[in-house]
Amino acid sequence: MMNKYKIVLGLFLLFVFLTGMQAQRASSLRINEVLVINQDNFTDDYGKKHPWIEIYNSSPGTVDIGGCYLTTDINNPRMYPVPKGDVLTKIKPRQHIIFWADNKPSRGTFHLNFTLDPEKPNFIALFNSDGRTLIDSVTVPAGQRVDVSYGLVQDGWDQKRLKEELQLNSLYKGGDKLWVYYDGTVPAGMSRAREVTPSSNNVILDSNEKVENFKENDRIGITMTITAMSVVFIALIILYMVFKYVGNMAVGLSRKRAMKASGLSKEQAKEIASESGEIYAAIAMAIYEATESVHDDENTVLTIKNVARNYSPWSSKIYTLRELPKK
C-alpha cells in the first residue's frame, strides 16, 4: 500500500514539475509586432531609426531568449544567434523585448545581422536553441507603409486562441484576423485606435469584454450566484475527500505499526477487530468482579491524610515576623 502511495505522489510531483518547466520554455515566445519602415517611430540605443521586431513572452514565468535564433531564411535557421549570458535577454512574464533589424550586430545583443526589405514580403522566424525547432514565424506582406506596424490582434495570441475568443465572446470587437495593421485608425466597435506600440501591449484595454459580455447575458446575477456557490461546494467536497483519504491512510499506517510492534499477523488482527464490544464489556466486568474481593469495604471512600511538612511555604507568616532583640 505504501509503495502505491509513493508512486501516486511521485507521478503528481513529476506532472507539476514538467508543467512548470513547460510554462517557462522558449516555446512560449511569440513574434508579436513588426515595423518594416521606421521613419518617425521608435529609436534604438544609438538614437537611430531602423526596422524592429518585437518578441512577447506569453508564459507566466520568465523565459531567456538567449541561445535562440532569429532568421529571415527558412533554409538558414541559425542566421542570428541571440547571445547567451546577457541579463536583458530574460523576458519577464507577459513582457516584450525589441530586436533591431539594422544589419549591425556589433552594436549589441539586440542588433540583428540582417534587415527587412520594404518592397518584398519578409519572412521572419524564431528557432529554438537547437537550431531546428521552429518556435514561431510570420510573413510580413510586401508594400508596408511608413511607421505602420504589422502585429498580432492581441499579445501572444495564435489562431486557436482567436477562434476560442470568437466562439465564447460575442462582444469581441477585434475582428476575425490574427494579424492586423497598427496605423492609428479606430476599428468598428472599438473605442481606441490601433497605434504602433513598440515594447508594449498591442491593445491597451480600458474595459474587460468578458465582463461586459457577462453583464449583458446575466443582468440579475443568477448565473454568477450559481457559479460561485458551485465552486464553494465543490471545493468543500474535494477537501472532505482529501481529509478522509489522508485520515484513512494515517489510521492504516498506525495499525500496521501497532501490529508490527505486537507481532500480530494480518489475520490475527482481523480476528481481534471482528470481536463485538459486548465481549470486551463482559471481560472487563469479569475482571472487576474477580478483583473486588482484594479490596476492603471502603474501596470507594476518599481518605484525606494530613501530611507533615518539614519546611515552610514561601508565603508562610514566619518570614514576615521579626524576633525581638534580646536584652
Protein backbone atom coordinates (compact mmCIF):
# COMPACT_ATOMS: atom_id res chain seq x y z
CA MET A 1 0.00 0.00 0.00
CA MET A 2 2.81 2.39 0.90
CA ASN A 3 4.51 1.78 -2.45
CA LYS A 4 1.25 2.65 -4.20
CA TYR A 5 1.01 5.96 -2.34
CA LYS A 6 4.63 6.77 -3.14
CA ILE A 7 4.10 6.09 -6.84
CA VAL A 8 0.99 8.31 -6.99
CA LEU A 9 2.75 11.12 -5.13
CA GLY A 10 5.81 10.82 -7.35
CA LEU A 11 3.74 10.99 -10.54
CA PHE A 12 1.88 14.04 -9.23
CA LEU A 13 5.11 15.88 -8.37
CA LEU A 14 6.58 14.95 -11.75
CA PHE A 15 3.49 16.32 -13.52
CA VAL A 16 3.71 19.62 -11.59
CA PHE A 17 7.42 19.92 -12.33
CA LEU A 18 7.05 19.24 -16.04
CA THR A 19 4.09 21.62 -16.29
CA GLY A 20 6.10 24.40 -14.65
CA MET A 21 9.07 23.73 -16.91
CA GLN A 22 6.86 23.77 -20.00
CA ALA A 23 5.43 27.13 -18.96
CA GLN A 24 8.94 28.64 -18.85
CA ARG A 25 10.38 27.15 -22.03
CA ALA A 26 11.21 29.20 -25.14
CA SER A 27 8.22 27.63 -26.89
CA SER A 28 6.02 30.25 -25.20
CA LEU A 29 7.74 33.10 -27.09
CA ARG A 30 5.84 34.82 -29.90
CA ILE A 31 6.74 37.21 -32.70
CA ASN A 32 4.31 39.92 -31.65
CA GLU A 33 4.78 43.02 -33.82
CA VAL A 34 6.98 44.09 -36.74
CA LEU A 35 7.74 47.55 -38.15
CA VAL A 36 9.44 47.49 -41.55
CA ILE A 37 9.69 51.21 -42.45
CA ASN A 38 10.73 53.25 -39.43
CA GLN A 39 10.78 56.89 -40.39
CA ASP A 40 9.43 58.71 -37.36
CA ASN A 41 8.99 55.97 -34.76
CA PHE A 42 10.98 54.28 -32.03
CA THR A 43 14.75 54.90 -31.88
CA ASP A 44 17.41 52.44 -30.75
CA ASP A 45 20.06 52.97 -28.06
CA TYR A 46 22.20 54.85 -30.63
CA GLY A 47 19.41 57.26 -31.49
CA LYS A 48 18.90 55.66 -34.91
CA LYS A 49 15.66 54.54 -36.56
CA HIS A 50 15.63 51.04 -38.03
CA PRO A 51 13.11 48.24 -38.63
CA TRP A 52 12.33 46.36 -35.45
CA ILE A 53 10.88 43.01 -34.36
CA GLU A 54 9.03 42.65 -31.06
CA ILE A 55 9.11 39.33 -29.16
CA TYR A 56 6.50 38.59 -26.50
CA ASN A 57 6.65 36.12 -23.59
CA SER A 58 3.18 34.57 -23.26
CA SER A 59 4.06 32.33 -20.30
CA PRO A 60 3.59 33.03 -16.56
CA GLY A 61 7.33 32.57 -15.97
CA THR A 62 10.49 34.36 -17.06
CA VAL A 63 11.97 33.00 -20.31
CA ASP A 64 15.53 33.55 -21.52
CA ILE A 65 15.67 34.01 -25.28
CA GLY A 66 19.46 33.76 -25.17
CA GLY A 67 20.68 30.90 -27.34
CA CYS A 68 17.68 31.05 -29.69
CA TYR A 69 17.91 32.12 -33.34
CA LEU A 70 16.20 34.76 -35.48
CA THR A 71 16.24 34.46 -39.24
CA THR A 72 14.63 35.62 -42.48
CA ASP A 73 15.58 32.43 -44.35
CA ILE A 74 13.91 29.12 -43.54
CA ASN A 75 16.92 27.32 -45.03
CA ASN A 76 19.28 29.18 -42.70
CA PRO A 77 17.64 28.91 -39.28
CA ARG A 78 20.80 29.96 -37.42
CA MET A 79 21.21 33.28 -39.17
CA TYR A 80 21.35 35.34 -35.97
CA PRO A 81 22.15 33.56 -32.68
CA VAL A 82 20.91 35.58 -29.72
CA PRO A 83 23.94 35.85 -27.38
CA LYS A 84 23.83 33.99 -24.08
CA GLY A 85 24.71 35.48 -20.71
CA ASP A 86 23.02 38.85 -21.23
CA VAL A 87 20.62 39.53 -18.36
CA LEU A 88 18.47 41.63 -20.69
CA THR A 89 17.56 38.57 -22.78
CA LYS A 90 15.48 37.28 -19.86
CA ILE A 91 11.91 38.25 -20.72
CA LYS A 92 9.60 38.61 -17.73
CA PRO A 93 6.06 37.15 -17.79
CA ARG A 94 3.74 38.90 -20.29
CA GLN A 95 6.51 41.31 -21.30
CA HIS A 96 8.26 42.27 -24.56
CA ILE A 97 11.72 42.93 -26.00
CA ILE A 98 12.75 44.65 -29.24
CA PHE A 99 15.32 43.46 -31.80
CA TRP A 100 16.63 45.98 -34.34
CA ALA A 101 16.92 44.72 -37.92
CA ASP A 102 19.76 47.12 -38.81
CA ASN A 103 22.35 44.60 -40.05
CA LYS A 104 24.79 45.87 -37.39
CA PRO A 105 25.26 43.07 -34.85
CA SER A 106 28.42 44.72 -33.50
CA ARG A 107 26.21 47.29 -31.76
CA GLY A 108 24.93 44.81 -29.19
CA THR A 109 22.78 41.85 -28.34
CA PHE A 110 19.58 43.29 -29.78
CA HIS A 111 21.01 44.41 -33.13
CA LEU A 112 20.47 41.75 -35.80
CA ASN A 113 22.76 40.80 -38.67
CA PHE A 114 20.01 41.30 -41.24
CA THR A 115 17.46 43.94 -42.21
CA LEU A 116 13.95 43.97 -43.68
CA ASP A 117 13.07 44.82 -47.29
CA PRO A 118 10.08 47.23 -47.61
CA GLU A 119 9.49 46.20 -51.24
CA LYS A 120 9.18 42.44 -50.70
CA PRO A 121 7.43 40.05 -48.31
CA ASN A 122 9.58 39.49 -45.22
CA PHE A 123 9.62 36.03 -43.69
CA ILE A 124 10.71 36.14 -40.03
CA ALA A 125 11.19 33.06 -37.87
CA LEU A 126 12.28 32.30 -34.31
CA PHE A 127 14.07 28.98 -33.75
CA ASN A 128 14.90 27.22 -30.50
CA SER A 129 18.44 26.79 -29.21
CA ASP A 130 18.89 23.54 -31.14
CA GLY A 131 18.65 25.47 -34.41
CA ARG A 132 15.99 23.07 -35.76
CA THR A 133 12.82 23.52 -33.71
CA LEU A 134 10.63 26.32 -35.07
CA ILE A 135 9.03 28.31 -32.24
CA ASP A 136 7.14 30.93 -34.25
CA SER A 137 7.13 32.57 -37.68
CA VAL A 138 5.32 35.21 -39.70
CA THR A 139 5.44 36.56 -43.24
CA VAL A 140 5.01 40.33 -43.32
CA PRO A 141 3.31 41.28 -46.62
CA ALA A 142 5.05 43.49 -49.15
CA GLY A 143 4.10 47.14 -49.54
CA GLN A 144 4.35 48.15 -45.90
CA ARG A 145 3.52 51.77 -45.10
CA VAL A 146 5.71 54.25 -43.26
CA ASP A 147 5.50 53.97 -39.47
CA VAL A 148 2.70 51.39 -39.69
CA SER A 149 3.42 48.15 -37.88
CA TYR A 150 2.10 44.64 -38.53
CA GLY A 151 1.20 42.76 -35.37
CA LEU A 152 -0.98 40.26 -33.59
CA VAL A 153 -4.51 41.38 -32.81
CA GLN A 154 -3.78 40.61 -29.14
CA ASP A 155 -0.43 39.97 -27.45
CA GLY A 156 0.79 36.40 -27.86
CA TRP A 157 -2.36 35.05 -29.49
CA ASP A 158 -2.39 32.26 -32.06
CA GLN A 159 -5.12 31.10 -34.44
CA LYS A 160 -6.54 28.69 -31.86
CA ARG A 161 -6.81 31.38 -29.21
CA LEU A 162 -8.53 33.76 -31.64
CA LYS A 163 -11.04 31.08 -32.62
CA GLU A 164 -11.87 30.40 -28.97
CA GLU A 165 -12.42 34.10 -28.33
CA LEU A 166 -14.75 34.45 -31.30
CA GLN A 167 -16.79 31.45 -30.14
CA LEU A 168 -17.03 32.36 -26.46
CA ASN A 169 -17.19 36.15 -26.54
CA SER A 170 -19.97 37.56 -28.68
CA LEU A 171 -18.89 41.13 -27.83
CA TYR A 172 -15.32 40.73 -29.08
CA LYS A 173 -14.59 43.65 -31.46
CA GLY A 174 -11.07 42.71 -32.57
CA GLY A 175 -12.20 41.09 -35.80
CA ASP A 176 -11.50 37.66 -37.24
CA LYS A 177 -7.91 38.30 -38.41
CA LEU A 178 -4.94 37.24 -36.31
CA TRP A 179 -2.51 39.80 -37.82
CA VAL A 180 -3.61 43.41 -38.32
CA TYR A 181 -2.09 46.79 -39.18
CA TYR A 182 -1.47 49.31 -36.40
CA ASP A 183 -1.98 52.52 -38.35
CA GLY A 184 -3.76 54.75 -35.84
CA THR A 185 -7.29 54.04 -37.10
CA VAL A 186 -10.20 53.10 -34.85
CA PRO A 187 -11.75 49.77 -35.89
CA ALA A 188 -15.53 49.46 -35.89
CA GLY A 189 -16.89 48.76 -32.43
CA MET A 190 -13.67 49.69 -30.63
CA SER A 191 -13.10 52.82 -28.55
CA ARG A 192 -9.34 53.04 -29.05
CA ALA A 193 -7.18 53.42 -32.15
CA ARG A 194 -4.68 50.77 -33.16
CA GLU A 195 -1.39 52.55 -32.53
CA VAL A 196 2.16 51.33 -33.03
CA THR A 197 3.26 50.05 -29.62
CA PRO A 198 6.93 49.03 -29.52
CA SER A 199 7.84 47.12 -26.36
CA SER A 200 4.28 47.49 -25.08
CA ASN A 201 0.87 45.83 -25.31
CA ASN A 202 -0.60 45.79 -28.81
CA VAL A 203 -4.01 46.75 -27.47
CA ILE A 204 -4.48 48.90 -24.38
CA LEU A 205 -7.75 47.75 -22.85
CA ASP A 206 -9.96 50.19 -20.96
CA SER A 207 -12.62 47.55 -20.26
CA ASN A 208 -12.92 43.80 -19.96
CA GLU A 209 -15.01 42.45 -22.83
CA LYS A 210 -15.72 39.20 -20.99
CA VAL A 211 -17.09 41.12 -18.01
CA GLU A 212 -19.23 43.23 -20.31
CA ASN A 213 -20.50 40.08 -22.02
CA PHE A 214 -21.34 38.56 -18.65
CA LYS A 215 -23.26 41.69 -17.65
CA GLU A 216 -25.19 41.60 -20.90
CA ASN A 217 -26.27 37.96 -20.52
CA ASP A 218 -26.70 37.85 -16.73
CA ARG A 219 -28.24 41.11 -15.64
CA ILE A 220 -29.79 39.74 -12.42
CA GLY A 221 -26.71 37.75 -11.39
CA ILE A 222 -28.28 34.30 -11.13
CA THR A 223 -25.55 32.63 -13.16
CA MET A 224 -22.85 34.31 -11.09
CA THR A 225 -24.51 33.17 -7.85
CA ILE A 226 -24.89 29.57 -9.03
CA THR A 227 -21.32 29.52 -10.30
CA ALA A 228 -19.92 30.93 -7.05
CA MET A 229 -21.89 28.52 -4.86
CA SER A 230 -20.92 25.59 -7.07
CA VAL A 231 -17.26 26.48 -6.73
CA VAL A 232 -17.57 26.68 -2.94
CA PHE A 233 -19.41 23.36 -2.58
CA ILE A 234 -17.09 21.56 -5.00
CA ALA A 235 -14.11 22.88 -3.04
CA LEU A 236 -15.63 21.63 0.22
CA ILE A 237 -16.33 18.20 -1.28
CA ILE A 238 -12.76 17.97 -2.54
CA LEU A 239 -11.42 18.96 0.88
CA TYR A 240 -13.65 16.37 2.57
CA MET A 241 -12.39 13.64 0.24
CA VAL A 242 -8.77 14.68 0.73
CA PHE A 243 -9.02 14.76 4.54
CA LYS A 244 -10.92 11.47 4.59
CA TYR A 245 -8.32 9.82 2.38
CA VAL A 246 -5.43 11.18 4.44
CA GLY A 247 -7.16 10.16 7.67
CA ASN A 248 -7.78 6.60 6.49
CA MET A 249 -4.20 6.38 5.32
CA ALA A 250 -2.93 7.59 8.71
CA VAL A 251 -5.14 5.08 10.58
CA GLY A 252 -3.90 2.30 8.33
CA LEU A 253 -0.29 3.21 8.99
CA SER A 254 -0.93 3.35 12.75
CA ARG A 255 -2.49 -0.12 12.67
CA LYS A 256 0.43 -1.50 10.74
CA ARG A 257 2.90 -0.09 13.25
CA ALA A 258 0.85 -1.49 16.17
CA MET A 259 0.67 -4.93 14.53
CA LYS A 260 4.38 -4.89 13.90
CA ALA A 261 5.14 -3.88 17.48
CA SER A 262 2.88 -6.58 18.96
CA GLY A 263 3.95 -9.25 16.49
CA LEU A 264 0.44 -9.91 15.23
CA SER A 265 -0.26 -11.11 11.75
CA LYS A 266 -2.87 -9.52 9.48
CA GLU A 267 -5.26 -12.42 10.01
CA GLN A 268 -4.91 -12.23 13.81
CA ALA A 269 -5.57 -8.51 13.77
CA LYS A 270 -8.71 -9.07 11.71
CA GLU A 271 -9.97 -11.64 14.23
CA ILE A 272 -9.42 -9.24 17.10
CA ALA A 273 -11.09 -6.39 15.25
CA SER A 274 -14.09 -8.58 14.40
CA GLU A 275 -14.99 -9.19 18.07
CA SER A 276 -18.03 -7.24 19.28
CA GLY A 277 -18.00 -4.63 22.04
CA GLU A 278 -20.21 -6.77 24.27
CA ILE A 279 -17.44 -9.35 24.58
CA TYR A 280 -14.93 -6.77 25.76
CA ALA A 281 -17.51 -5.35 28.20
CA ALA A 282 -18.13 -8.84 29.63
CA ILE A 283 -14.39 -9.43 30.05
CA ALA A 284 -13.99 -6.09 31.85
CA MET A 285 -16.86 -6.91 34.24
CA ALA A 286 -15.42 -10.34 34.97
CA ILE A 287 -12.03 -8.84 35.81
CA TYR A 288 -13.70 -6.31 38.12
CA GLU A 289 -15.73 -8.99 39.94
CA ALA A 290 -12.67 -11.21 40.30
CA THR A 291 -10.55 -8.45 41.83
CA GLU A 292 -13.26 -6.90 44.02
CA SER A 293 -12.52 -9.25 46.95
CA VAL A 294 -8.97 -7.98 47.33
CA HIS A 295 -10.25 -4.51 48.30
CA ASP A 296 -11.66 -3.52 51.69
CA ASP A 297 -15.17 -2.27 52.24
CA GLU A 298 -14.06 1.31 51.93
CA ASN A 299 -12.55 0.99 48.50
CA THR A 300 -14.84 3.75 47.25
CA VAL A 301 -14.16 6.12 50.16
CA LEU A 302 -11.81 9.04 49.63
CA THR A 303 -9.42 9.35 52.62
CA ILE A 304 -7.55 12.57 53.24
CA LYS A 305 -4.38 12.26 55.32
CA ASN A 306 -2.51 15.04 56.95
CA VAL A 307 0.99 15.39 55.66
CA ALA A 308 3.64 16.80 57.97
CA ARG A 309 5.79 19.41 56.31
CA ASN A 310 9.37 19.89 57.41
CA TYR A 311 9.59 23.23 55.63
CA SER A 312 7.62 26.41 55.41
CA PRO A 313 5.97 27.58 52.22
CA TRP A 314 7.21 30.79 50.69
CA SER A 315 4.09 32.59 51.86
CA SER A 316 4.42 31.48 55.47
CA LYS A 317 3.96 34.21 58.04
CA ILE A 318 7.17 33.31 59.83
CA TYR A 319 9.09 35.08 57.08
CA THR A 320 7.22 38.29 57.76
CA LEU A 321 7.84 38.34 61.58
CA ARG A 322 10.98 39.60 63.26
CA GLU A 323 12.38 38.37 66.53
CA LEU A 324 12.58 40.90 69.25
CA PRO A 325 16.14 41.73 70.26
CA LYS A 326 17.25 40.11 73.48
CA LYS A 327 18.33 42.41 76.29
